[in-house]
PDB file of all heavy atoms in Angstrom:
ATOM      1  N   ASP A   1     200.359  97.977 -46.418  1.00  0.00           N
ATOM      2  CA  ASP A   1     201.542  98.600 -47.017  1.00  0.00           C
ATOM      3  C   ASP A   1     202.531  97.538 -47.494  1.00  0.00           C
ATOM      4  O   ASP A   1     203.095  97.647 -48.586  1.00  0.00           O
ATOM      5  CB  ASP A   1     202.225  99.518 -45.997  1.00  0.00           C
ATOM      6  CG  ASP A   1     201.400 100.773 -45.721  1.00  0.00           C
ATOM      7  OD1 ASP A   1     200.506 101.081 -46.530  1.00  0.00           O
ATOM      8  OD2 ASP A   1     201.638 101.425 -44.680  1.00  0.00           O
ATOM      9  N   SER A   2     202.733  96.514 -46.672  1.00  0.00           N
ATOM     10  CA  SER A   2     203.673  95.455 -47.041  1.00  0.00           C
ATOM     11  C   SER A   2     203.201  94.719 -48.294  1.00  0.00           C
ATOM     12  O   SER A   2     203.999  94.444 -49.206  1.00  0.00           O
ATOM     13  CB  SER A   2     203.827  94.467 -45.884  1.00  0.00           C
ATOM     14  OG  SER A   2     204.625  93.369 -46.256  1.00  0.00           O
ATOM     15  N   LEU A   3     201.913  94.404 -48.342  1.00  0.00           N
ATOM     16  CA  LEU A   3     201.381  93.693 -49.508  1.00  0.00           C
ATOM     17  C   LEU A   3     201.443  94.574 -50.756  1.00  0.00           C
ATOM     18  O   LEU A   3     201.785  94.109 -51.849  1.00  0.00           O
ATOM     19  CB  LEU A   3     199.940  93.256 -49.238  1.00  0.00           C
ATOM     20  CG  LEU A   3     199.241  92.480 -50.360  1.00  0.00           C
ATOM     21  CD1 LEU A   3     200.029  91.234 -50.731  1.00  0.00           C
ATOM     22  CD2 LEU A   3     197.813  92.117 -49.950  1.00  0.00           C
ATOM     23  N   SER A   4     201.139  95.873 -50.594  1.00  0.00           N
ATOM     24  CA  SER A   4     201.200  96.788 -51.727  1.00  0.00           C
ATOM     25  C   SER A   4     202.626  96.918 -52.255  1.00  0.00           C
ATOM     26  O   SER A   4     202.866  96.907 -53.474  1.00  0.00           O
ATOM     27  CB  SER A   4     200.662  98.156 -51.319  1.00  0.00           C
ATOM     28  OG  SER A   4     200.679  99.049 -52.402  1.00  0.00           O
ATOM     29  N   GLN A   5     203.600  97.024 -51.345  1.00  0.00           N
ATOM     30  CA  GLN A   5     204.998  97.111 -51.754  1.00  0.00           C
ATOM     31  C   GLN A   5     205.443  95.812 -52.436  1.00  0.00           C
ATOM     32  O   GLN A   5     206.252  95.820 -53.367  1.00  0.00           O
ATOM     33  CB  GLN A   5     205.885  97.387 -50.545  1.00  0.00           C
ATOM     34  CG  GLN A   5     205.674  98.771 -49.948  1.00  0.00           C
ATOM     35  CD  GLN A   5     206.406  98.947 -48.629  1.00  0.00           C
ATOM     36  OE1 GLN A   5     207.237  98.109 -48.252  1.00  0.00           O
ATOM     37  NE2 GLN A   5     206.079 100.017 -47.910  1.00  0.00           N
ATOM     38  N   HIS A   6     204.896  94.696 -51.977  1.00  0.00           N
ATOM     39  CA  HIS A   6     205.208  93.410 -52.611  1.00  0.00           C
ATOM     40  C   HIS A   6     204.739  93.416 -54.065  1.00  0.00           C
ATOM     41  O   HIS A   6     205.472  92.956 -54.957  1.00  0.00           O
ATOM     42  CB  HIS A   6     204.517  92.283 -51.824  1.00  0.00           C
ATOM     43  CG  HIS A   6     204.818  90.903 -52.332  1.00  0.00           C
ATOM     44  ND1 HIS A   6     206.019  90.272 -52.136  1.00  0.00           N
ATOM     45  CD2 HIS A   6     204.045  90.034 -53.047  1.00  0.00           C
ATOM     46  CE1 HIS A   6     205.995  89.078 -52.693  1.00  0.00           C
ATOM     47  NE2 HIS A   6     204.803  88.901 -53.254  1.00  0.00           N
ATOM     48  N   TRP A   7     203.555  93.933 -54.296  1.00  0.00           N
ATOM     49  CA  TRP A   7     203.052  94.046 -55.664  1.00  0.00           C
ATOM     50  C   TRP A   7     203.913  95.008 -56.487  1.00  0.00           C
ATOM     51  O   TRP A   7     204.225  94.732 -57.655  1.00  0.00           O
ATOM     52  CB  TRP A   7     201.603  94.525 -55.654  1.00  0.00           C
ATOM     53  CG  TRP A   7     200.619  93.401 -55.524  1.00  0.00           C
ATOM     54  CD1 TRP A   7     199.966  93.000 -54.407  1.00  0.00           C
ATOM     55  CD2 TRP A   7     200.181  92.542 -56.570  1.00  0.00           C
ATOM     56  NE1 TRP A   7     199.156  91.936 -54.669  1.00  0.00           N
ATOM     57  CE2 TRP A   7     199.264  91.624 -55.999  1.00  0.00           C
ATOM     58  CE3 TRP A   7     200.484  92.424 -57.928  1.00  0.00           C
ATOM     59  CZ2 TRP A   7     198.636  90.637 -56.740  1.00  0.00           C
ATOM     60  CZ3 TRP A   7     199.861  91.430 -58.674  1.00  0.00           C
ATOM     61  CH2 TRP A   7     198.949  90.547 -58.085  1.00  0.00           C
ATOM     62  N   ASP A   8     204.281  96.139 -55.875  1.00  0.00           N
ATOM     63  CA  ASP A   8     205.126  97.102 -56.594  1.00  0.00           C
ATOM     64  C   ASP A   8     206.464  96.474 -56.981  1.00  0.00           C
ATOM     65  O   ASP A   8     206.944  96.626 -58.116  1.00  0.00           O
ATOM     66  CB  ASP A   8     205.375  98.329 -55.717  1.00  0.00           C
ATOM     67  CG  ASP A   8     204.123  99.188 -55.593  1.00  0.00           C
ATOM     68  OD1 ASP A   8     203.222  99.043 -56.445  1.00  0.00           O
ATOM     69  OD2 ASP A   8     204.039  99.978 -54.636  1.00  0.00           O
ATOM     70  N   ARG A   9     207.041  95.787 -56.026  1.00  0.00           N
ATOM     71  CA  ARG A   9     208.379  95.242 -56.230  1.00  0.00           C
ATOM     72  C   ARG A   9     208.395  94.177 -57.327  1.00  0.00           C
ATOM     73  O   ARG A   9     209.307  94.144 -58.155  1.00  0.00           O
ATOM     74  CB  ARG A   9     208.888  94.662 -54.900  1.00  0.00           C
ATOM     75  CG  ARG A   9     210.319  94.146 -54.934  1.00  0.00           C
ATOM     76  CD  ARG A   9     210.868  93.953 -53.520  1.00  0.00           C
ATOM     77  NE  ARG A   9     210.003  93.122 -52.694  1.00  0.00           N
ATOM     78  CZ  ARG A   9     209.226  93.582 -51.712  1.00  0.00           C
ATOM     79  NH1 ARG A   9     209.192  94.890 -51.442  1.00  0.00           N
ATOM     80  NH2 ARG A   9     208.479  92.759 -50.997  1.00  0.00           N
ATOM     81  N   HIS A  10     207.393  93.330 -57.323  1.00  0.00           N
ATOM     82  CA  HIS A  10     207.385  92.230 -58.298  1.00  0.00           C
ATOM     83  C   HIS A  10     206.534  92.534 -59.528  1.00  0.00           C
ATOM     84  O   HIS A  10     206.679  91.864 -60.553  1.00  0.00           O
ATOM     85  CB  HIS A  10     206.898  90.947 -57.622  1.00  0.00           C
ATOM     86  CG  HIS A  10     207.782  90.482 -56.515  1.00  0.00           C
ATOM     87  ND1 HIS A  10     208.989  89.858 -56.741  1.00  0.00           N
ATOM     88  CD2 HIS A  10     207.637  90.579 -55.165  1.00  0.00           C
ATOM     89  CE1 HIS A  10     209.548  89.565 -55.569  1.00  0.00           C
ATOM     90  NE2 HIS A  10     208.757  89.987 -54.601  1.00  0.00           N
ATOM     91  N   GLY A  11     205.665  93.537 -59.437  1.00  0.00           N
ATOM     92  CA  GLY A  11     204.859  93.898 -60.606  1.00  0.00           C
ATOM     93  C   GLY A  11     205.611  94.789 -61.573  1.00  0.00           C
ATOM     94  O   GLY A  11     205.346  94.768 -62.783  1.00  0.00           O
ATOM     95  N   LYS A  12     206.559  95.573 -61.055  1.00  0.00           N
ATOM     96  CA  LYS A  12     207.289  96.492 -61.920  1.00  0.00           C
ATOM     97  C   LYS A  12     208.057  95.758 -63.023  1.00  0.00           C
ATOM     98  O   LYS A  12     207.975  96.148 -64.203  1.00  0.00           O
ATOM     99  CB  LYS A  12     208.252  97.352 -61.089  1.00  0.00           C
ATOM    100  CG  LYS A  12     208.934  98.455 -61.885  1.00  0.00           C
ATOM    101  CD  LYS A  12     209.784  99.320 -60.943  1.00  0.00           C
ATOM    102  CE  LYS A  12     210.386 100.490 -61.711  1.00  0.00           C
ATOM    103  NZ  LYS A  12     211.202 100.062 -62.862  1.00  0.00           N
ATOM    104  N   PRO A  13     208.827  94.712 -62.708  1.00  0.00           N
ATOM    105  CA  PRO A  13     209.506  93.993 -63.804  1.00  0.00           C
ATOM    106  C   PRO A  13     208.515  93.428 -64.822  1.00  0.00           C
ATOM    107  O   PRO A  13     208.824  93.393 -66.025  1.00  0.00           O
ATOM    108  CB  PRO A  13     210.251  92.864 -63.074  1.00  0.00           C
ATOM    109  CG  PRO A  13     210.436  93.362 -61.680  1.00  0.00           C
ATOM    110  CD  PRO A  13     209.222  94.176 -61.384  1.00  0.00           C
ATOM    111  N   PHE A  14     207.361  92.993 -64.355  1.00  0.00           N
ATOM    112  CA  PHE A  14     206.352  92.474 -65.274  1.00  0.00           C
ATOM    113  C   PHE A  14     205.869  93.573 -66.213  1.00  0.00           C
ATOM    114  O   PHE A  14     205.763  93.387 -67.427  1.00  0.00           O
ATOM    115  CB  PHE A  14     205.190  91.897 -64.463  1.00  0.00           C
ATOM    116  CG  PHE A  14     204.013  91.486 -65.301  1.00  0.00           C
ATOM    117  CD1 PHE A  14     204.080  90.395 -66.156  1.00  0.00           C
ATOM    118  CD2 PHE A  14     202.827  92.203 -65.234  1.00  0.00           C
ATOM    119  CE1 PHE A  14     202.991  90.020 -66.927  1.00  0.00           C
ATOM    120  CE2 PHE A  14     201.732  91.836 -66.000  1.00  0.00           C
ATOM    121  CZ  PHE A  14     201.816  90.743 -66.846  1.00  0.00           C
ATOM    122  N   ILE A  15     205.594  94.758 -65.658  1.00  0.00           N
ATOM    123  CA  ILE A  15     205.134  95.881 -66.484  1.00  0.00           C
ATOM    124  C   ILE A  15     206.249  96.355 -67.418  1.00  0.00           C
ATOM    125  O   ILE A  15     206.028  96.600 -68.617  1.00  0.00           O
ATOM    126  CB  ILE A  15     204.665  97.039 -65.587  1.00  0.00           C
ATOM    127  CG1 ILE A  15     203.440  96.594 -64.765  1.00  0.00           C
ATOM    128  CG2 ILE A  15     204.334  98.266 -66.411  1.00  0.00           C
ATOM    129  CD1 ILE A  15     203.021  97.592 -63.706  1.00  0.00           C
ATOM    130  N   ASP A  16     207.460  96.475 -66.851  1.00  0.00           N
ATOM    131  CA  ASP A  16     208.581  96.931 -67.670  1.00  0.00           C
ATOM    132  C   ASP A  16     208.886  95.950 -68.803  1.00  0.00           C
ATOM    133  O   ASP A  16     209.454  96.334 -69.836  1.00  0.00           O
ATOM    134  CB  ASP A  16     209.829  97.098 -66.798  1.00  0.00           C
ATOM    135  CG  ASP A  16     209.676  98.261 -65.821  1.00  0.00           C
ATOM    136  OD1 ASP A  16     208.754  99.085 -66.023  1.00  0.00           O
ATOM    137  OD2 ASP A  16     210.457  98.325 -64.841  1.00  0.00           O
ATOM    138  N   GLY A  17     208.524  94.695 -68.617  1.00  0.00           N
ATOM    139  CA  GLY A  17     208.780  93.712 -69.661  1.00  0.00           C
ATOM    140  C   GLY A  17     208.023  93.996 -70.946  1.00  0.00           C
ATOM    141  O   GLY A  17     208.377  93.470 -72.009  1.00  0.00           O
ATOM    142  N   PHE A  18     206.959  94.813 -70.868  1.00  0.00           N
ATOM    143  CA  PHE A  18     206.198  95.156 -72.065  1.00  0.00           C
ATOM    144  C   PHE A  18     206.721  96.427 -72.746  1.00  0.00           C
ATOM    145  O   PHE A  18     206.197  96.832 -73.785  1.00  0.00           O
ATOM    146  CB  PHE A  18     204.714  95.348 -71.706  1.00  0.00           C
ATOM    147  CG  PHE A  18     204.014  94.063 -71.351  1.00  0.00           C
ATOM    148  CD1 PHE A  18     203.925  93.646 -70.036  1.00  0.00           C
ATOM    149  CD2 PHE A  18     203.468  93.269 -72.346  1.00  0.00           C
ATOM    150  CE1 PHE A  18     203.281  92.474 -69.710  1.00  0.00           C
ATOM    151  CE2 PHE A  18     202.818  92.089 -72.024  1.00  0.00           C
ATOM    152  CZ  PHE A  18     202.728  91.690 -70.700  1.00  0.00           C
ATOM    153  N   ALA A  19     207.726  97.074 -72.130  1.00  0.00           N
ATOM    154  CA  ALA A  19     208.266  98.302 -72.726  1.00  0.00           C
ATOM    155  C   ALA A  19     208.953  97.999 -74.060  1.00  0.00           C
ATOM    156  O   ALA A  19     209.538  96.918 -74.253  1.00  0.00           O
ATOM    157  CB  ALA A  19     209.249  98.961 -71.753  1.00  0.00           C
ATOM    158  N   PHE A  20     208.875  98.958 -74.964  1.00  0.00           N
ATOM    159  CA  PHE A  20     209.451  98.776 -76.304  1.00  0.00           C
ATOM    160  C   PHE A  20     210.961  98.996 -76.260  1.00  0.00           C
ATOM    161  O   PHE A  20     211.435 100.014 -75.764  1.00  0.00           O
ATOM    162  CB  PHE A  20     208.808  99.755 -77.290  1.00  0.00           C
ATOM    163  CG  PHE A  20     209.319  99.591 -78.692  1.00  0.00           C
ATOM    164  CD1 PHE A  20     209.036  98.449 -79.429  1.00  0.00           C
ATOM    165  CD2 PHE A  20     210.097 100.593 -79.286  1.00  0.00           C
ATOM    166  CE1 PHE A  20     209.511  98.300 -80.712  1.00  0.00           C
ATOM    167  CE2 PHE A  20     210.567 100.434 -80.574  1.00  0.00           C
ATOM    168  CZ  PHE A  20     210.266  99.284 -81.309  1.00  0.00           C
ATOM    169  N   ARG A  21     211.714  98.017 -76.786  1.00  0.00           N
ATOM    170  CA  ARG A  21     213.177  98.128 -76.833  1.00  0.00           C
ATOM    171  C   ARG A  21     213.557  98.681 -78.219  1.00  0.00           C
ATOM    172  O   ARG A  21     213.709  97.934 -79.186  1.00  0.00           O
ATOM    173  CB  ARG A  21     213.832  96.771 -76.614  1.00  0.00           C
ATOM    174  CG  ARG A  21     213.417  96.064 -75.319  1.00  0.00           C
ATOM    175  CD  ARG A  21     213.876  96.850 -74.070  1.00  0.00           C
ATOM    176  NE  ARG A  21     213.718  96.081 -72.857  1.00  0.00           N
ATOM    177  CZ  ARG A  21     212.626  96.050 -72.128  1.00  0.00           C
ATOM    178  NH1 ARG A  21     211.565  96.757 -72.498  1.00  0.00           N
ATOM    179  NH2 ARG A  21     212.581  95.340 -71.016  1.00  0.00           N
ATOM    180  N   ALA A  22     213.698 100.007 -78.314  1.00  0.00           N
ATOM    181  CA  ALA A  22     213.893 100.660 -79.623  1.00  0.00           C
ATOM    182  C   ALA A  22     215.310 100.488 -80.173  1.00  0.00           C
ATOM    183  O   ALA A  22     215.515 100.528 -81.388  1.00  0.00           O
ATOM    184  CB  ALA A  22     213.575 102.153 -79.505  1.00  0.00           C
ATOM    185  N   GLY A  23     216.300 100.332 -79.299  1.00  0.00           N
ATOM    186  CA  GLY A  23     217.688 100.295 -79.753  1.00  0.00           C
ATOM    187  C   GLY A  23     217.941  99.263 -80.827  1.00  0.00           C
ATOM    188  O   GLY A  23     218.531  99.542 -81.878  1.00  0.00           O
ATOM    189  N   GLY A  24     217.523  98.053 -80.649  1.00  0.00           N
ATOM    190  CA  GLY A  24     217.745  96.993 -81.625  1.00  0.00           C
ATOM    191  C   GLY A  24     217.059  97.279 -82.946  1.00  0.00           C
ATOM    192  O   GLY A  24     217.608  96.994 -84.033  1.00  0.00           O
ATOM    193  N   TRP A  25     215.838  97.841 -82.843  1.00  0.00           N
ATOM    194  CA  TRP A  25     215.111  98.162 -84.074  1.00  0.00           C
ATOM    195  C   TRP A  25     215.833  99.257 -84.860  1.00  0.00           C
ATOM    196  O   TRP A  25     215.911  99.215 -86.094  1.00  0.00           O
ATOM    197  CB  TRP A  25     213.682  98.604 -83.734  1.00  0.00           C
ATOM    198  CG  TRP A  25     212.795  97.438 -83.389  1.00  0.00           C
ATOM    199  CD1 TRP A  25     212.521  96.965 -82.161  1.00  0.00           C
ATOM    200  CD2 TRP A  25     212.096  96.608 -84.305  1.00  0.00           C
ATOM    201  NE1 TRP A  25     211.692  95.892 -82.216  1.00  0.00           N
ATOM    202  CE2 TRP A  25     211.403  95.646 -83.548  1.00  0.00           C
ATOM    203  CE3 TRP A  25     211.996  96.568 -85.699  1.00  0.00           C
ATOM    204  CZ2 TRP A  25     210.612  94.667 -84.113  1.00  0.00           C
ATOM    205  CZ3 TRP A  25     211.205  95.598 -86.267  1.00  0.00           C
ATOM    206  CH2 TRP A  25     210.511  94.640 -85.487  1.00  0.00           C
ATOM    207  N   TYR A  26     216.334 100.266 -84.171  1.00  0.00           N
ATOM    208  CA  TYR A  26     217.055 101.358 -84.858  1.00  0.00           C
ATOM    209  C   TYR A  26     218.298 100.822 -85.571  1.00  0.00           C
ATOM    210  O   TYR A  26     218.616 101.227 -86.694  1.00  0.00           O
ATOM    211  CB  TYR A  26     217.448 102.451 -83.869  1.00  0.00           C
ATOM    212  CG  TYR A  26     216.258 103.235 -83.361  1.00  0.00           C
ATOM    213  CD1 TYR A  26     216.277 103.792 -82.073  1.00  0.00           C
ATOM    214  CD2 TYR A  26     215.129 103.433 -84.155  1.00  0.00           C
ATOM    215  CE1 TYR A  26     215.200 104.515 -81.604  1.00  0.00           C
ATOM    216  CE2 TYR A  26     214.051 104.144 -83.691  1.00  0.00           C
ATOM    217  CZ  TYR A  26     214.091 104.685 -82.409  1.00  0.00           C
ATOM    218  OH  TYR A  26     213.018 105.379 -81.949  1.00  0.00           O
ATOM    219  N   VAL A  27     219.015  99.948 -84.930  1.00  0.00           N
ATOM    220  CA  VAL A  27     220.202  99.361 -85.562  1.00  0.00           C
ATOM    221  C   VAL A  27     219.798  98.586 -86.806  1.00  0.00           C
ATOM    222  O   VAL A  27     220.438  98.677 -87.873  1.00  0.00           O
ATOM    223  CB  VAL A  27     220.943  98.448 -84.563  1.00  0.00           C
ATOM    224  CG1 VAL A  27     222.064  97.668 -85.286  1.00  0.00           C
ATOM    225  CG2 VAL A  27     221.513  99.268 -83.423  1.00  0.00           C
ATOM    226  N   MET A  28     218.679  97.816 -86.657  1.00  0.00           N
ATOM    227  CA  MET A  28     218.218  97.024 -87.796  1.00  0.00           C
ATOM    228  C   MET A  28     217.805  97.926 -88.959  1.00  0.00           C
ATOM    229  O   MET A  28     218.115  97.658 -90.130  1.00  0.00           O
ATOM    230  CB  MET A  28     217.038  96.140 -87.382  1.00  0.00           C
ATOM    231  CG  MET A  28     216.569  95.193 -88.495  1.00  0.00           C
ATOM    232  SD  MET A  28     215.318  94.053 -87.921  1.00  0.00           S
ATOM    233  CE  MET A  28     213.988  95.212 -87.565  1.00  0.00           C
ATOM    234  N   VAL A  29     217.133  99.056 -88.656  1.00  0.00           N
ATOM    235  CA  VAL A  29     216.720  99.990 -89.711  1.00  0.00           C
ATOM    236  C   VAL A  29     217.948 100.606 -90.381  1.00  0.00           C
ATOM    237  O   VAL A  29     218.014 100.737 -91.615  1.00  0.00           O
ATOM    238  CB  VAL A  29     215.798 101.070 -89.138  1.00  0.00           C
ATOM    239  CG1 VAL A  29     215.579 102.192 -90.157  1.00  0.00           C
ATOM    240  CG2 VAL A  29     214.465 100.460 -88.735  1.00  0.00           C
ATOM    241  N   ALA A  30     218.930 100.978 -89.565  1.00  0.00           N
ATOM    242  CA  ALA A  30     220.143 101.593 -90.128  1.00  0.00           C
ATOM    243  C   ALA A  30     220.884 100.617 -91.038  1.00  0.00           C
ATOM    244  O   ALA A  30     221.342 100.969 -92.133  1.00  0.00           O
ATOM    245  CB  ALA A  30     221.047 102.070 -88.991  1.00  0.00           C
ATOM    246  N   VAL A  31     220.999  99.384 -90.577  1.00  0.00           N
ATOM    247  CA  VAL A  31     221.691  98.374 -91.391  1.00  0.00           C
ATOM    248  C   VAL A  31     220.926  98.132 -92.681  1.00  0.00           C
ATOM    249  O   VAL A  31     221.497  98.046 -93.777  1.00  0.00           O
ATOM    250  CB  VAL A  31     221.864  97.072 -90.588  1.00  0.00           C
ATOM    251  CG1 VAL A  31     222.377  95.961 -91.498  1.00  0.00           C
ATOM    252  CG2 VAL A  31     222.810  97.282 -89.420  1.00  0.00           C
ATOM    253  N   ALA A  32     219.589  98.032 -92.558  1.00  0.00           N
ATOM    254  CA  ALA A  32     218.763  97.802 -93.748  1.00  0.00           C
ATOM    255  C   ALA A  32     218.906  98.958 -94.732  1.00  0.00           C
ATOM    256  O   ALA A  32     219.017  98.765 -95.957  1.00  0.00           O
ATOM    257  CB  ALA A  32     217.304  97.600 -93.352  1.00  0.00           C
ATOM    258  N   ALA A  33     218.910 100.203 -94.214  1.00  0.00           N
ATOM    259  CA  ALA A  33     219.051 101.376 -95.089  1.00  0.00           C
ATOM    260  C   ALA A  33     220.402 101.373 -95.791  1.00  0.00           C
ATOM    261  O   ALA A  33     220.515 101.683 -96.987  1.00  0.00           O
ATOM    262  CB  ALA A  33     218.857 102.643 -94.262  1.00  0.00           C
ATOM    263  N   ALA A  34     221.472 101.023 -95.052  1.00  0.00           N
ATOM    264  CA  ALA A  34     222.808 100.992 -95.647  1.00  0.00           C
ATOM    265  C   ALA A  34     222.889  99.932 -96.733  1.00  0.00           C
ATOM    266  O   ALA A  34     223.478 100.156 -97.801  1.00  0.00           O
ATOM    267  CB  ALA A  34     223.843 100.726 -94.550  1.00  0.00           C
ATOM    268  N   VAL A  35     222.288  98.798 -96.467  1.00  0.00           N
ATOM    269  CA  VAL A  35     222.312  97.718 -97.469  1.00  0.00           C
ATOM    270  C   VAL A  35     221.563  98.139 -98.720  1.00  0.00           C
ATOM    271  O   VAL A  35     222.006  97.933 -99.850  1.00  0.00           O
ATOM    272  CB  VAL A  35     221.712  96.428 -96.868  1.00  0.00           C
ATOM    273  CG1 VAL A  35     221.518  95.377 -97.958  1.00  0.00           C
ATOM    274  CG2 VAL A  35     222.612  95.890 -95.761  1.00  0.00           C
ATOM    275  N   VAL A  36     220.377  98.741 -98.500  1.00  0.00           N
ATOM    276  CA  VAL A  36     219.571  99.183 -99.648  1.00  0.00           C
ATOM    277  C   VAL A  36     220.342 100.227-100.462  1.00  0.00           C
ATOM    278  O   VAL A  36     220.378 100.181-101.698  1.00  0.00           O
ATOM    279  CB  VAL A  36     218.224  99.731 -99.178  1.00  0.00           C
ATOM    280  CG1 VAL A  36     217.482 100.430-100.328  1.00  0.00           C
ATOM    281  CG2 VAL A  36     217.369  98.602 -98.620  1.00  0.00           C
TER     282      VAL A  36
END
């Protein structure tokens, strides 16, 4: 249990690091659309 929790605790940030950060892209699309 301790070893599994260790993996959960330190593996989660690693997995979350691959999540898509949409906010910045949306701002970039909006700015690009306004400029166009």
